[in-house]
Protein backbone atom coordinates (compact mmCIF):
# COMPACT_ATOMS: atom_id res chain seq x y z
CA MET A 1 0.58 -16.11 -4.53
CA GLU A 2 0.98 -13.47 -7.25
CA LYS A 3 -1.70 -11.43 -9.05
CA THR A 4 -1.78 -8.58 -11.56
CA LEU A 5 -4.20 -5.72 -10.85
CA ASN A 6 -5.20 -2.53 -12.64
CA HIS A 7 -5.80 -0.62 -9.38
CA TYR A 8 -4.73 -0.98 -5.78
CA VAL A 9 -5.58 0.73 -2.49
CA VAL A 10 -3.17 0.50 0.45
CA ASN A 11 -4.51 -1.47 3.42
CA LYS A 12 -3.31 -2.83 6.77
CA ASN A 13 -1.58 -5.75 5.01
CA THR A 14 0.52 -3.58 2.67
CA LEU A 15 4.24 -3.72 3.49
CA ALA A 16 5.83 -1.88 0.57
CA ILE A 17 5.12 -0.50 -2.88
CA CYS A 18 8.10 -0.69 -5.21
CA SER A 19 8.54 0.70 -8.70
CA ILE A 20 9.51 -1.60 -11.53
CA ALA A 21 10.23 -1.06 -15.20
CA SER A 22 7.90 -3.38 -17.06
CA CYS A 23 5.63 -3.17 -20.08
CA GLU A 24 2.82 -4.88 -18.20
CA PHE A 25 2.86 -3.20 -14.78
CA SER A 26 4.45 -0.29 -12.89
CA SER A 27 4.56 -1.48 -9.27
CA ILE A 28 5.16 -4.50 -7.15
CA VAL A 29 3.12 -4.44 -3.95
CA TYR A 30 4.28 -6.60 -1.09
CA GLU A 31 1.56 -7.64 1.32
CA ILE A 32 1.87 -9.84 4.39
CA ASP A 33 0.96 -12.99 2.48
CA GLN A 34 1.16 -12.14 -1.22
CA ILE A 35 2.90 -10.19 -3.97
CA LEU A 36 0.81 -8.12 -6.35
CA TYR A 37 1.76 -6.57 -9.68
CA VAL A 38 -0.11 -3.34 -10.28
CA ARG A 39 -0.45 -1.23 -13.41
CA GLN A 40 -0.43 2.02 -11.36
CA THR A 41 2.80 3.76 -10.35
CA PRO A 42 3.71 3.74 -6.65
CA LEU A 43 2.87 7.45 -6.36
CA LYS A 44 -0.51 6.92 -8.03
CA ILE A 45 -1.27 4.11 -5.56
CA ILE A 46 -0.44 6.45 -2.66
CA GLN A 47 -2.56 9.25 -4.15
CA VAL A 48 -5.59 6.99 -4.73
CA SER A 49 -5.19 5.47 -1.26
CA CYS A 50 -5.27 8.93 0.32
CA LEU A 51 -8.47 9.74 -1.60
CA ALA A 52 -10.02 6.44 -0.54
CA ASN A 53 -9.36 7.49 3.07
CA GLY A 54 -10.90 10.96 2.82
CA SER A 55 -8.20 13.36 1.66
CA THR A 56 -5.89 14.21 -1.21
CA HIS A 57 -2.23 13.31 -1.19
CA LYS A 58 -1.43 17.01 -1.61
CA GLY A 59 -3.64 17.90 1.37
CA ARG A 60 -1.97 15.29 3.55
CA CYS A 61 1.48 16.55 2.49
CA MET A 62 0.48 20.12 3.29
CA ALA A 63 -0.65 19.04 6.77
CA VAL A 64 2.54 17.04 7.37
CA SER A 65 4.68 19.95 6.20
CA TYR A 66 2.77 22.35 8.45
CA HIS A 67 3.23 20.18 11.54
CA THR A 68 6.82 19.10 10.94
CA ASN A 69 8.38 22.01 9.03
CA ASN A 70 9.73 19.49 6.51
CA ARG A 71 9.28 19.99 2.78
CA HIS A 72 10.87 16.98 1.10
CA LYS A 73 10.31 13.21 1.14
CA LEU A 74 7.35 13.62 3.46
CA PRO A 75 5.83 10.60 5.18
CA VAL A 76 2.12 10.26 4.45
CA PRO A 77 -0.66 9.28 6.86
CA ILE A 78 -2.75 7.17 4.48
CA SER A 79 -5.27 6.39 7.24
CA GLU A 80 -4.85 7.82 10.72
CA LYS A 81 -7.84 5.78 11.90
CA ASP A 82 -6.10 2.54 10.93
CA SER A 83 -2.60 3.88 11.78
CA ILE A 84 -1.35 3.40 8.22
CA TYR A 85 1.69 5.61 7.60
CA PHE A 86 3.98 5.27 4.58
CA PHE A 87 7.28 6.96 3.84
CA PRO A 88 9.04 7.42 0.51
CA THR A 89 12.62 6.26 -0.02
CA SER A 90 13.42 9.21 -2.28
CA ALA A 91 11.59 12.12 -3.91
CA PRO A 92 8.08 10.81 -4.66
CA ASN A 93 8.30 11.79 -8.34
CA ASN A 94 11.56 9.87 -8.76
CA PHE A 95 11.02 6.65 -10.72
CA HIS A 96 13.10 4.71 -8.18
CA CYS A 97 11.01 5.86 -5.20
CA HIS A 98 9.54 3.05 -3.13
CA TRP A 99 6.96 3.50 -0.39
CA ILE A 100 7.41 1.64 2.89
CA SER A 101 4.83 0.97 5.60
CA TYR A 102 6.11 2.32 8.92
CA HIS A 103 4.06 -0.12 10.99
CA HIS A 104 5.45 -3.26 9.36
CA VAL A 105 9.19 -2.45 9.58
CA LEU A 106 10.93 -4.66 12.13
CA HIS A 107 14.51 -3.50 11.60
CA LEU A 108 17.03 -2.09 9.15
CA GLN A 109 20.40 -3.47 8.19
CA LEU A 110 23.27 -1.85 6.36
CA ALA A 111 24.15 -3.72 3.18
CA LYS A 112 27.01 -3.29 0.73
CA ASN A 113 27.11 -0.60 -1.98
CA GLN A 114 24.88 1.95 -0.21
CA GLU A 115 21.99 -0.49 0.03
CA THR A 116 19.69 -1.17 2.95
CA ILE A 117 17.95 -4.38 3.92
CA ILE A 118 14.51 -3.77 5.40
CA THR A 119 13.14 -6.65 7.44
CA PHE A 120 9.40 -6.61 7.92
CA ARG A 121 7.49 -8.13 10.83
CA ASN A 122 6.39 -11.08 8.69
CA GLY A 123 10.05 -11.98 7.95
CA LEU A 124 10.18 -10.61 4.40
CA GLN A 125 13.48 -8.90 3.62
CA LEU A 126 13.64 -6.24 0.94
CA THR A 127 16.99 -4.90 -0.26
CA ILE A 128 16.77 -1.40 -1.71
CA SER A 129 19.40 0.84 -3.28
CA VAL A 130 19.03 3.62 -0.74
CA SER A 131 21.46 4.42 2.05
CA PHE A 132 20.87 3.10 5.55
CA TYR A 133 21.01 6.67 6.88
CA THR A 134 18.25 7.84 4.52
CA ILE A 135 15.90 4.99 5.42
CA GLU A 136 16.64 5.38 9.14
CA LYS A 137 15.92 9.11 8.90
CA GLN A 138 12.63 8.45 7.08
CA LEU A 139 11.64 5.89 9.70
CA HIS A 140 12.32 8.42 12.48
CA ARG A 141 10.42 11.18 10.65
CA THR A 142 7.42 8.88 10.31
CA ALA A 143 7.55 7.89 13.99
CA HIS A 144 7.64 11.58 14.91
CA LEU A 145 4.71 12.34 12.59
CA ARG A 146 2.69 9.45 13.99
CA HIS A 147 3.32 10.76 17.51
CA LEU A 148 2.27 14.29 16.49
CA PHE A 149 -0.88 13.14 14.74
CA SER A 150 -1.94 10.84 17.59
CA GLY A 151 -2.21 13.93 19.80
CA LEU A 152 -4.37 15.96 17.40
């Protein structure tokens, strides 16, 4: 099932938010059982989702940076209560940046030409043009962050 939306807020069913160059929409959102086309950019979806869960994206990034001493490509706790953590595949302001749900990733696979295949728990496979090492590192950073925040 596919739908086009003006606005979207990340939820427990969100697997990934991917950028796309289109006149009609800016993002493709993959959920467990549907694909949505959204007129907001991936970063805007993340920012609005943070606000919907009680904080700004900037505030969450400042907290993550404080606790992890990282400054770039920071994972974001969208909702600690619901254990929703997303990580960017590149610099968040980069057009090609996708956002991946930590919780839904089952495994990663190295693909040809510096691409990575992400397999989600529901069986969906997403091939992205980002190195395996980068995605693996982002997955580990998010796991570490989740561990840190669960103890706060």
